[in-house]
Amino acid sequence: MADRRMCGSAAPCAGRISAASGLHGADQNIMTVDTQKEKLKQREESRDFFCLVSDAFRIFARRSSIVLGSAWAFASAILIIVVWALTGPTFHYSNTWQLIINTGTTIVTFLMVFLIQNTQNRDAKAAHLKLDEVIRALKGARNELIDLEKLADEDLTSLEKQFERVRKKAERNGNNPGGMRRENRAERASKGKGD
């Protein structure tokens, strides 16, 4: 479907579908209310499963990252390892005893990769959107820097070199913080630590 919407925003999936699925203009005058309701129902049914899974995983990943990133989760992991190590003599350090910790840590690590990646993707997207808004709002900012993360590596390298030239030019012209070159700032900072 060309009009398929991505799920995952803060609003519940069904509410987004209902609000976004209305027909506009001449189409609305031609189609009957029954036909509109049937099409809306078909769209909701085709999106329900994917939206629900996406929204549920988003909520689960967010809550899991909060819980599993806490000091309590770390302390629990240490406790599990200590208990496992203390049971070693009881099980004569058998292969099964070793397999328990290896299997458990492998499964947890495998699942955590997806949770961490989901959380990082959302955080990075939010940060990019905020920076894009700042660029749009600042007068004199170059709007072509919006969506910079989508450029090819060669383009990013070219921009990096351009900003390096701008920085060097600013140092030569004295348009930098404190009117000092980078080397002078580093020297001044090291002298300040020695006092």
N, C-alpha and C. Protein backbone atom coordinates (compact mmCIF):
# COMPACT_ATOMS: atom_id res chain seq x y z
N MET A 1 0.84 -1.20 0.00
CA MET A 1 0.00 0.00 0.00
C MET A 1 0.87 1.25 0.00
N ALA A 2 0.53 2.17 -0.85
CA ALA A 2 1.33 3.39 -0.95
C ALA A 2 1.10 4.31 0.23
N ASP A 3 -0.08 4.26 0.82
CA ASP A 3 -0.40 5.19 1.90
C ASP A 3 -0.12 4.61 3.29
N ARG A 4 0.61 3.52 3.34
CA ARG A 4 0.91 2.87 4.63
C ARG A 4 1.72 3.82 5.50
N ARG A 5 1.27 4.02 6.75
CA ARG A 5 1.94 4.92 7.68
C ARG A 5 2.80 4.10 8.62
N MET A 6 3.92 4.68 9.04
CA MET A 6 4.78 4.02 10.00
C MET A 6 4.19 4.19 11.40
N CYS A 7 4.22 3.15 12.17
CA CYS A 7 3.75 3.21 13.54
C CYS A 7 4.92 3.57 14.44
N GLY A 8 4.62 3.87 15.68
CA GLY A 8 5.70 4.08 16.63
C GLY A 8 5.71 5.45 17.26
N SER A 9 4.77 6.30 16.94
CA SER A 9 4.74 7.58 17.62
C SER A 9 4.04 7.41 18.95
N ALA A 10 3.99 8.47 19.73
CA ALA A 10 3.44 8.37 21.09
C ALA A 10 1.94 8.09 21.08
N ALA A 11 1.22 8.48 20.03
CA ALA A 11 -0.22 8.29 19.99
C ALA A 11 -0.54 6.83 19.70
N PRO A 12 -1.67 6.33 20.22
CA PRO A 12 -2.05 4.95 19.94
C PRO A 12 -2.27 4.76 18.45
N CYS A 13 -1.99 3.56 17.97
CA CYS A 13 -2.03 3.27 16.54
C CYS A 13 -3.41 3.51 15.94
N ALA A 14 -4.46 3.02 16.57
CA ALA A 14 -5.79 3.15 16.00
C ALA A 14 -6.20 4.60 15.85
N GLY A 15 -5.82 5.45 16.79
CA GLY A 15 -6.15 6.87 16.71
C GLY A 15 -5.48 7.54 15.53
N ARG A 16 -4.24 7.16 15.25
CA ARG A 16 -3.52 7.73 14.10
C ARG A 16 -4.18 7.30 12.81
N ILE A 17 -4.61 6.03 12.75
CA ILE A 17 -5.21 5.52 11.53
C ILE A 17 -6.53 6.23 11.26
N SER A 18 -7.36 6.36 12.28
CA SER A 18 -8.65 7.00 12.09
C SER A 18 -8.49 8.44 11.64
N ALA A 19 -7.58 9.16 12.26
CA ALA A 19 -7.39 10.57 11.92
C ALA A 19 -6.76 10.73 10.54
N ALA A 20 -5.91 9.80 10.14
CA ALA A 20 -5.18 9.95 8.89
C ALA A 20 -5.91 9.36 7.70
N SER A 21 -6.96 8.60 7.92
CA SER A 21 -7.56 7.85 6.83
C SER A 21 -8.74 8.54 6.17
N GLY A 22 -9.11 9.71 6.61
CA GLY A 22 -10.24 10.41 6.02
C GLY A 22 -9.98 10.76 4.57
N LEU A 23 -11.02 10.74 3.77
CA LEU A 23 -10.87 11.10 2.36
C LEU A 23 -11.19 12.58 2.20
N HIS A 24 -10.57 13.21 1.21
CA HIS A 24 -10.71 14.65 1.05
C HIS A 24 -11.30 15.00 -0.32
N GLY A 25 -11.81 16.20 -0.44
CA GLY A 25 -12.19 16.82 -1.71
C GLY A 25 -13.30 16.10 -2.43
N ALA A 26 -13.13 15.95 -3.75
CA ALA A 26 -14.15 15.38 -4.61
C ALA A 26 -14.43 13.92 -4.29
N ASP A 27 -13.40 13.18 -3.87
CA ASP A 27 -13.59 11.77 -3.53
C ASP A 27 -14.62 11.60 -2.43
N GLN A 28 -14.64 12.54 -1.50
CA GLN A 28 -15.56 12.44 -0.37
C GLN A 28 -17.01 12.62 -0.84
N ASN A 29 -17.21 13.47 -1.81
CA ASN A 29 -18.56 13.71 -2.32
C ASN A 29 -19.06 12.52 -3.13
N ILE A 30 -18.18 11.82 -3.80
CA ILE A 30 -18.57 10.72 -4.68
C ILE A 30 -18.88 9.46 -3.89
N MET A 31 -18.02 9.13 -2.95
CA MET A 31 -18.16 7.86 -2.23
C MET A 31 -19.22 7.97 -1.15
N THR A 32 -19.90 6.88 -0.93
CA THR A 32 -20.90 6.86 0.12
C THR A 32 -20.23 6.64 1.46
N VAL A 33 -20.95 6.89 2.53
CA VAL A 33 -20.42 6.72 3.87
C VAL A 33 -20.10 5.24 4.13
N ASP A 34 -20.93 4.34 3.62
CA ASP A 34 -20.69 2.91 3.82
C ASP A 34 -19.38 2.47 3.18
N THR A 35 -19.13 2.94 1.97
CA THR A 35 -17.90 2.59 1.26
C THR A 35 -16.70 3.12 2.00
N GLN A 36 -16.81 4.32 2.52
CA GLN A 36 -15.71 4.91 3.28
C GLN A 36 -15.42 4.08 4.53
N LYS A 37 -16.47 3.68 5.22
CA LYS A 37 -16.30 2.88 6.43
C LYS A 37 -15.67 1.53 6.11
N GLU A 38 -16.08 0.91 4.99
CA GLU A 38 -15.50 -0.37 4.61
C GLU A 38 -14.01 -0.23 4.31
N LYS A 39 -13.65 0.81 3.55
CA LYS A 39 -12.24 1.01 3.22
C LYS A 39 -11.42 1.31 4.48
N LEU A 40 -11.97 2.11 5.37
CA LEU A 40 -11.28 2.42 6.62
C LEU A 40 -11.08 1.16 7.44
N LYS A 41 -12.09 0.32 7.50
CA LYS A 41 -11.99 -0.92 8.26
C LYS A 41 -10.93 -1.83 7.65
N GLN A 42 -10.89 -1.93 6.31
CA GLN A 42 -9.87 -2.74 5.65
C GLN A 42 -8.47 -2.23 5.94
N ARG A 43 -8.30 -0.91 5.91
CA ARG A 43 -6.99 -0.31 6.19
C ARG A 43 -6.56 -0.59 7.62
N GLU A 44 -7.51 -0.43 8.56
CA GLU A 44 -7.19 -0.68 9.96
C GLU A 44 -6.82 -2.14 10.19
N GLU A 45 -7.56 -3.05 9.56
CA GLU A 45 -7.26 -4.47 9.73
C GLU A 45 -5.89 -4.81 9.18
N SER A 46 -5.52 -4.23 8.04
CA SER A 46 -4.23 -4.56 7.44
C SER A 46 -3.08 -3.95 8.24
N ARG A 47 -3.32 -2.91 8.97
CA ARG A 47 -2.27 -2.26 9.74
C ARG A 47 -2.25 -2.68 11.20
N ASP A 48 -3.34 -3.19 11.70
CA ASP A 48 -3.45 -3.49 13.12
C ASP A 48 -2.28 -4.32 13.65
N PHE A 49 -2.01 -5.44 13.04
CA PHE A 49 -0.99 -6.33 13.56
C PHE A 49 0.37 -5.65 13.61
N PHE A 50 0.77 -5.02 12.52
CA PHE A 50 2.08 -4.38 12.46
C PHE A 50 2.18 -3.19 13.41
N CYS A 51 1.11 -2.42 13.49
CA CYS A 51 1.10 -1.28 14.40
C CYS A 51 1.15 -1.73 15.86
N LEU A 52 0.37 -2.74 16.16
CA LEU A 52 0.35 -3.22 17.54
C LEU A 52 1.70 -3.79 17.94
N VAL A 53 2.32 -4.58 17.06
CA VAL A 53 3.62 -5.15 17.37
C VAL A 53 4.66 -4.04 17.51
N SER A 54 4.63 -3.10 16.59
CA SER A 54 5.60 -2.00 16.63
C SER A 54 5.43 -1.15 17.89
N ASP A 55 4.20 -0.81 18.20
CA ASP A 55 3.95 0.00 19.39
C ASP A 55 4.29 -0.76 20.67
N ALA A 56 3.93 -2.04 20.70
CA ALA A 56 4.23 -2.85 21.90
C ALA A 56 5.74 -2.99 22.09
N PHE A 57 6.47 -3.22 21.01
CA PHE A 57 7.92 -3.35 21.14
C PHE A 57 8.56 -2.04 21.56
N ARG A 58 8.06 -0.94 21.01
CA ARG A 58 8.59 0.38 21.38
C ARG A 58 8.41 0.62 22.88
N ILE A 59 7.23 0.34 23.39
CA ILE A 59 6.95 0.55 24.81
C ILE A 59 7.80 -0.41 25.65
N PHE A 60 7.86 -1.67 25.23
CA PHE A 60 8.66 -2.67 25.96
C PHE A 60 10.13 -2.29 25.97
N ALA A 61 10.66 -1.88 24.82
CA ALA A 61 12.08 -1.51 24.73
C ALA A 61 12.39 -0.30 25.60
N ARG A 62 11.50 0.68 25.61
CA ARG A 62 11.72 1.88 26.42
C ARG A 62 11.73 1.54 27.91
N ARG A 63 10.73 0.79 28.34
CA ARG A 63 10.66 0.42 29.76
C ARG A 63 11.81 -0.50 30.16
N SER A 64 12.15 -1.43 29.27
CA SER A 64 13.25 -2.35 29.56
C SER A 64 14.56 -1.60 29.69
N SER A 65 14.78 -0.61 28.82
CA SER A 65 16.04 0.14 28.89
C SER A 65 16.14 0.91 30.20
N ILE A 66 15.01 1.36 30.70
CA ILE A 66 15.01 2.08 31.98
C ILE A 66 15.32 1.11 33.12
N VAL A 67 14.64 -0.03 33.12
CA VAL A 67 14.82 -1.00 34.20
C VAL A 67 16.20 -1.65 34.12
N LEU A 68 16.58 -2.12 32.93
CA LEU A 68 17.83 -2.87 32.79
C LEU A 68 19.06 -1.97 32.85
N GLY A 69 18.87 -0.68 32.72
CA GLY A 69 19.99 0.25 32.84
C GLY A 69 20.17 0.78 34.24
N SER A 70 19.43 0.23 35.18
CA SER A 70 19.49 0.73 36.56
C SER A 70 20.57 0.00 37.36
N ALA A 71 20.91 0.57 38.49
CA ALA A 71 21.88 -0.05 39.39
C ALA A 71 21.33 -1.36 39.95
N TRP A 72 20.01 -1.44 40.13
CA TRP A 72 19.40 -2.66 40.65
C TRP A 72 19.58 -3.82 39.69
N ALA A 73 19.48 -3.57 38.39
CA ALA A 73 19.66 -4.63 37.41
C ALA A 73 21.11 -5.12 37.43
N PHE A 74 22.04 -4.20 37.55
CA PHE A 74 23.46 -4.58 37.63
C PHE A 74 23.72 -5.40 38.89
N ALA A 75 23.17 -4.96 40.01
CA ALA A 75 23.34 -5.70 41.27
C ALA A 75 22.72 -7.09 41.16
N SER A 76 21.58 -7.20 40.49
CA SER A 76 20.94 -8.51 40.31
C SER A 76 21.83 -9.43 39.47
N ALA A 77 22.44 -8.89 38.42
CA ALA A 77 23.33 -9.68 37.57
C ALA A 77 24.53 -10.18 38.37
N ILE A 78 25.09 -9.31 39.20
CA ILE A 78 26.22 -9.71 40.05
C ILE A 78 25.78 -10.80 41.01
N LEU A 79 24.60 -10.66 41.59
CA LEU A 79 24.08 -11.67 42.53
C LEU A 79 23.91 -13.02 41.84
N ILE A 80 23.39 -13.01 40.62
CA ILE A 80 23.20 -14.26 39.87
C ILE A 80 24.55 -14.94 39.64
N ILE A 81 25.56 -14.15 39.28
CA ILE A 81 26.89 -14.72 39.03
C ILE A 81 27.49 -15.28 40.32
N VAL A 82 27.31 -14.57 41.41
CA VAL A 82 27.85 -15.04 42.70
C VAL A 82 27.16 -16.35 43.11
N VAL A 83 25.84 -16.40 42.98
CA VAL A 83 25.11 -17.62 43.32
C VAL A 83 25.57 -18.77 42.42
N TRP A 84 25.73 -18.50 41.13
CA TRP A 84 26.20 -19.52 40.20
C TRP A 84 27.59 -20.02 40.61
N ALA A 85 28.47 -19.10 40.93
CA ALA A 85 29.84 -19.48 41.32
C ALA A 85 29.84 -20.29 42.62
N LEU A 86 28.98 -19.92 43.56
CA LEU A 86 28.92 -20.65 44.84
C LEU A 86 28.36 -22.06 44.68
N THR A 87 27.54 -22.27 43.64
CA THR A 87 26.99 -23.61 43.43
C THR A 87 27.96 -24.51 42.68
N GLY A 88 29.08 -23.97 42.22
CA GLY A 88 30.07 -24.76 41.50
C GLY A 88 30.53 -26.00 42.23
N PRO A 89 30.95 -25.90 43.50
CA PRO A 89 31.40 -27.10 44.22
C PRO A 89 30.29 -28.15 44.37
N THR A 90 29.05 -27.67 44.52
CA THR A 90 27.92 -28.60 44.67
C THR A 90 27.76 -29.45 43.41
N PHE A 91 27.94 -28.84 42.27
CA PHE A 91 27.78 -29.55 40.99
C PHE A 91 29.11 -30.03 40.43
N HIS A 92 30.16 -29.96 41.23
CA HIS A 92 31.51 -30.43 40.86
C HIS A 92 32.01 -29.75 39.58
N TYR A 93 31.63 -28.50 39.41
CA TYR A 93 32.07 -27.70 38.26
C TYR A 93 31.85 -28.45 36.94
N SER A 94 30.72 -29.09 36.83
CA SER A 94 30.42 -29.94 35.66
C SER A 94 30.18 -29.09 34.41
N ASN A 95 30.12 -29.80 33.30
CA ASN A 95 29.83 -29.13 32.02
C ASN A 95 28.43 -28.50 32.04
N THR A 96 27.49 -29.17 32.65
CA THR A 96 26.13 -28.64 32.75
C THR A 96 26.12 -27.35 33.55
N TRP A 97 26.87 -27.33 34.63
CA TRP A 97 26.97 -26.13 35.47
C TRP A 97 27.53 -24.96 34.66
N GLN A 98 28.55 -25.21 33.85
CA GLN A 98 29.12 -24.16 33.00
C GLN A 98 28.16 -23.78 31.88
N LEU A 99 27.47 -24.76 31.35
CA LEU A 99 26.53 -24.50 30.25
C LEU A 99 25.39 -23.59 30.68
N ILE A 100 24.98 -23.68 31.93
CA ILE A 100 23.89 -22.84 32.44
C ILE A 100 24.25 -21.36 32.30
N ILE A 101 25.41 -20.97 32.79
CA ILE A 101 25.77 -19.55 32.73
C ILE A 101 26.05 -19.12 31.30
N ASN A 102 26.69 -20.00 30.51
CA ASN A 102 26.98 -19.65 29.11
C ASN A 102 25.71 -19.45 28.31
N THR A 103 24.76 -20.35 28.45
CA THR A 103 23.49 -20.23 27.73
C THR A 103 22.71 -19.02 28.19
N GLY A 104 22.64 -18.83 29.50
CA GLY A 104 21.89 -17.68 30.03
C GLY A 104 22.45 -16.34 29.55
N THR A 105 23.76 -16.19 29.62
CA THR A 105 24.36 -14.92 29.20
C THR A 105 24.24 -14.72 27.69
N THR A 106 24.33 -15.79 26.93
CA THR A 106 24.19 -15.67 25.47
C THR A 106 22.79 -15.21 25.10
N ILE A 107 21.78 -15.80 25.71
CA ILE A 107 20.39 -15.42 25.41
C ILE A 107 20.13 -13.97 25.81
N VAL A 108 20.56 -13.60 27.00
CA VAL A 108 20.35 -12.22 27.47
C VAL A 108 21.07 -11.24 26.56
N THR A 109 22.30 -11.54 26.19
CA THR A 109 23.06 -10.65 25.31
C THR A 109 22.39 -10.51 23.96
N PHE A 110 21.95 -11.62 23.39
CA PHE A 110 21.28 -11.60 22.09
C PHE A 110 20.03 -10.71 22.12
N LEU A 111 19.22 -10.86 23.15
CA LEU A 111 17.99 -10.05 23.24
C LEU A 111 18.29 -8.58 23.53
N MET A 112 19.31 -8.33 24.35
CA MET A 112 19.65 -6.95 24.70
C MET A 112 20.14 -6.16 23.49
N VAL A 113 20.76 -6.83 22.53
CA VAL A 113 21.22 -6.13 21.32
C VAL A 113 20.05 -5.44 20.65
N PHE A 114 18.92 -6.10 20.53
CA PHE A 114 17.75 -5.52 19.86
C PHE A 114 17.14 -4.40 20.69
N LEU A 115 17.08 -4.58 21.99
CA LEU A 115 16.54 -3.53 22.85
C LEU A 115 17.42 -2.28 22.80
N ILE A 116 18.72 -2.48 22.88
CA ILE A 116 19.64 -1.33 22.85
C ILE A 116 19.57 -0.64 21.51
N GLN A 117 19.56 -1.41 20.42
CA GLN A 117 19.52 -0.80 19.09
C GLN A 117 18.25 0.00 18.89
N ASN A 118 17.11 -0.54 19.33
CA ASN A 118 15.85 0.19 19.21
C ASN A 118 15.90 1.50 19.97
N THR A 119 16.38 1.45 21.20
CA THR A 119 16.46 2.66 22.01
C THR A 119 17.43 3.67 21.41
N GLN A 120 18.57 3.21 20.92
CA GLN A 120 19.55 4.10 20.31
C GLN A 120 19.00 4.73 19.03
N ASN A 121 18.31 3.94 18.22
CA ASN A 121 17.73 4.48 16.99
C ASN A 121 16.73 5.59 17.30
N ARG A 122 15.88 5.37 18.29
CA ARG A 122 14.88 6.37 18.65
C ARG A 122 15.55 7.62 19.21
N ASP A 123 16.55 7.43 20.07
CA ASP A 123 17.24 8.58 20.64
C ASP A 123 17.98 9.38 19.57
N ALA A 124 18.64 8.66 18.65
CA ALA A 124 19.36 9.35 17.57
C ALA A 124 18.39 10.10 16.67
N LYS A 125 17.25 9.48 16.36
CA LYS A 125 16.27 10.15 15.51
C LYS A 125 15.74 11.41 16.19
N ALA A 126 15.46 11.32 17.48
CA ALA A 126 14.98 12.49 18.22
C ALA A 126 16.02 13.59 18.24
N ALA A 127 17.29 13.23 18.46
CA ALA A 127 18.36 14.24 18.48
C ALA A 127 18.50 14.89 17.11
N HIS A 128 18.43 14.10 16.05
CA HIS A 128 18.54 14.67 14.70
C HIS A 128 17.38 15.62 14.41
N LEU A 129 16.18 15.23 14.81
CA LEU A 129 15.03 16.10 14.58
C LEU A 129 15.15 17.41 15.35
N LYS A 130 15.66 17.34 16.57
CA LYS A 130 15.85 18.56 17.35
C LYS A 130 16.90 19.46 16.70
N LEU A 131 18.00 18.85 16.25
CA LEU A 131 19.04 19.65 15.58
C LEU A 131 18.52 20.24 14.28
N ASP A 132 17.73 19.46 13.53
CA ASP A 132 17.15 19.98 12.29
C ASP A 132 16.27 21.19 12.58
N GLU A 133 15.50 21.13 13.67
CA GLU A 133 14.64 22.25 14.04
C GLU A 133 15.48 23.47 14.40
N VAL A 134 16.58 23.27 15.11
CA VAL A 134 17.46 24.39 15.46
C VAL A 134 18.04 25.01 14.20
N ILE A 135 18.47 24.18 13.26
CA ILE A 135 19.02 24.70 12.00
C ILE A 135 17.97 25.50 11.26
N ARG A 136 16.73 24.98 11.20
CA ARG A 136 15.66 25.71 10.51
C ARG A 136 15.35 27.03 11.20
N ALA A 137 15.45 27.06 12.51
CA ALA A 137 15.04 28.24 13.27
C ALA A 137 16.11 29.34 13.25
N LEU A 138 17.37 28.97 13.10
CA LEU A 138 18.44 29.97 13.15
C LEU A 138 18.55 30.71 11.83
N LYS A 139 18.56 32.00 11.93
CA LYS A 139 18.74 32.83 10.74
C LYS A 139 20.21 32.74 10.33
N GLY A 140 20.47 32.54 9.08
CA GLY A 140 21.84 32.45 8.59
C GLY A 140 22.37 31.03 8.59
N ALA A 141 21.67 30.08 9.21
CA ALA A 141 22.11 28.68 9.20
C ALA A 141 21.83 28.10 7.82
N ARG A 142 22.67 27.18 7.41
CA ARG A 142 22.50 26.56 6.10
C ARG A 142 21.51 25.41 6.20
N ASN A 143 20.37 25.57 5.56
CA ASN A 143 19.33 24.54 5.62
C ASN A 143 19.74 23.25 4.92
N GLU A 144 20.77 23.29 4.08
CA GLU A 144 21.21 22.05 3.43
C GLU A 144 21.86 21.09 4.41
N LEU A 145 22.13 21.56 5.63
CA LEU A 145 22.70 20.68 6.65
C LEU A 145 21.63 19.84 7.35
N ILE A 146 20.37 20.12 7.06
CA ILE A 146 19.27 19.30 7.60
C ILE A 146 19.34 17.92 6.95
N ASP A 147 19.09 16.89 7.69
CA ASP A 147 19.16 15.50 7.23
C ASP A 147 20.56 15.12 6.77
N LEU A 148 21.54 15.67 7.43
CA LEU A 148 22.94 15.41 7.11
C LEU A 148 23.29 13.93 7.26
N GLU A 149 22.64 13.25 8.19
CA GLU A 149 22.96 11.85 8.45
C GLU A 149 22.62 10.95 7.27
N LYS A 150 21.86 11.45 6.29
CA LYS A 150 21.48 10.63 5.14
C LYS A 150 22.45 10.77 3.98
N LEU A 151 23.46 11.63 4.11
CA LEU A 151 24.42 11.82 3.03
C LEU A 151 25.37 10.63 2.93
N ALA A 152 25.99 10.50 1.75
CA ALA A 152 26.99 9.46 1.54
C ALA A 152 28.26 9.82 2.31
N ASP A 153 29.09 8.84 2.57
CA ASP A 153 30.33 9.05 3.32
C ASP A 153 31.24 10.08 2.64
N GLU A 154 31.29 10.05 1.31
CA GLU A 154 32.13 11.01 0.59
C GLU A 154 31.66 12.44 0.82
N ASP A 155 30.33 12.63 0.82
CA ASP A 155 29.77 13.96 1.06
C ASP A 155 30.07 14.43 2.48
N LEU A 156 29.98 13.52 3.44
CA LEU A 156 30.29 13.87 4.83
C LEU A 156 31.75 14.24 4.98
N THR A 157 32.63 13.52 4.30
CA THR A 157 34.06 13.84 4.35
C THR A 157 34.32 15.21 3.74
N SER A 158 33.64 15.51 2.65
CA SER A 158 33.79 16.82 2.00
C SER A 158 33.33 17.94 2.94
N LEU A 159 32.20 17.74 3.60
CA LEU A 159 31.72 18.75 4.57
C LEU A 159 32.67 18.89 5.75
N GLU A 160 33.22 17.78 6.20
CA GLU A 160 34.16 17.82 7.31
C GLU A 160 35.38 18.67 6.94
N LYS A 161 35.88 18.47 5.72
CA LYS A 161 37.02 19.27 5.25
C LYS A 161 36.64 20.74 5.14
N GLN A 162 35.43 21.01 4.69
CA GLN A 162 34.96 22.39 4.58
C GLN A 162 34.91 23.05 5.96
N PHE A 163 34.40 22.36 6.96
CA PHE A 163 34.34 22.93 8.30
C PHE A 163 35.73 23.08 8.92
N GLU A 164 36.64 22.21 8.55
CA GLU A 164 38.02 22.35 9.02
C GLU A 164 38.64 23.62 8.44
N ARG A 165 38.37 23.89 7.16
CA ARG A 165 38.86 25.14 6.55
C ARG A 165 38.24 26.36 7.23
N VAL A 166 36.95 26.28 7.54
CA VAL A 166 36.27 27.40 8.22
C VAL A 166 36.89 27.63 9.60
N ARG A 167 37.19 26.55 10.32
CA ARG A 167 37.80 26.67 11.63
C ARG A 167 39.18 27.30 11.54
N LYS A 168 39.98 26.85 10.58
CA LYS A 168 41.33 27.41 10.41
C LYS A 168 41.26 28.88 10.04
N LYS A 169 40.33 29.24 9.19
CA LYS A 169 40.16 30.64 8.79
C LYS A 169 39.76 31.49 9.99
N ALA A 170 38.88 30.95 10.83
CA ALA A 170 38.45 31.67 12.03
C ALA A 170 39.63 31.88 12.98
N GLU A 171 40.49 30.90 13.09
CA GLU A 171 41.66 31.05 13.96
C GLU A 171 42.61 32.11 13.41
N ARG A 172 42.80 32.13 12.09
CA ARG A 172 43.68 33.14 11.49
C ARG A 172 43.11 34.54 11.68
N ASN A 173 41.79 34.67 11.57
CA ASN A 173 41.15 35.99 11.67
C ASN A 173 40.84 36.39 13.10
N GLY A 174 41.09 35.50 14.03
CA GLY A 174 40.82 35.82 15.43
C GLY A 174 39.35 35.73 15.79
N ASN A 175 38.55 35.00 15.00
CA ASN A 175 37.11 34.87 15.27
C ASN A 175 36.81 33.61 16.09
N ASN A 176 37.66 33.32 17.04
CA ASN A 176 37.42 32.14 17.86
C ASN A 176 37.30 32.55 19.32
N PRO A 177 36.81 31.68 20.17
CA PRO A 177 36.60 32.04 21.58
C PRO A 177 37.89 32.51 22.24
N GLY A 178 37.87 33.67 22.78
CA GLY A 178 39.03 34.21 23.49
C GLY A 178 40.09 34.77 22.57
N GLY A 179 39.88 34.71 21.26
CA GLY A 179 40.83 35.24 20.30
C GLY A 179 42.15 34.49 20.29
N MET A 180 42.17 33.24 20.72
CA MET A 180 43.41 32.47 20.78
C MET A 180 43.34 31.31 19.79
N ARG A 181 44.51 30.90 19.34
CA ARG A 181 44.59 29.71 18.52
C ARG A 181 44.41 28.49 19.40
N ARG A 182 44.14 27.38 18.77
CA ARG A 182 43.92 26.13 19.50
C ARG A 182 45.14 25.78 20.35
N GLU A 183 46.33 25.93 19.77
CA GLU A 183 47.55 25.60 20.51
C GLU A 183 47.69 26.50 21.74
N ASN A 184 47.38 27.79 21.59
CA ASN A 184 47.49 28.73 22.71
C ASN A 184 46.48 28.39 23.80
N ARG A 185 45.29 27.98 23.40
CA ARG A 185 44.28 27.60 24.39
C ARG A 185 44.74 26.38 25.16
N ALA A 186 45.31 25.39 24.45
CA ALA A 186 45.79 24.18 25.12
C ALA A 186 46.94 24.51 26.06
N GLU A 187 47.84 25.40 25.61
CA GLU A 187 48.98 25.79 26.45
C GLU A 187 48.49 26.51 27.70
N ARG A 188 47.54 27.41 27.52
CA ARG A 188 47.01 28.17 28.65
C ARG A 188 46.30 27.24 29.65
N ALA A 189 45.59 26.26 29.12
CA ALA A 189 44.89 25.30 29.98
C ALA A 189 45.87 24.46 30.79
N SER A 190 46.96 24.04 30.14
CA SER A 190 47.94 23.23 30.87
C SER A 190 48.66 24.04 31.92
N LYS A 191 48.90 25.34 31.66
CA LYS A 191 49.52 26.20 32.66
C LYS A 191 48.59 26.39 33.87
N GLY A 192 47.29 26.50 33.59
CA GLY A 192 46.32 26.68 34.65
C GLY A 192 46.26 25.49 35.58
N LYS A 193 46.48 24.28 35.03
CA LYS A 193 46.45 23.07 35.87
C LYS A 193 47.69 22.98 36.74
N GLY A 194 48.81 23.55 36.27
CA GLY A 194 50.06 23.47 37.03
C GLY A 194 50.12 24.41 38.19
N ASP A 195 49.24 25.41 38.23
CA ASP A 195 49.28 26.42 39.31
C ASP A 195 48.74 25.91 40.59
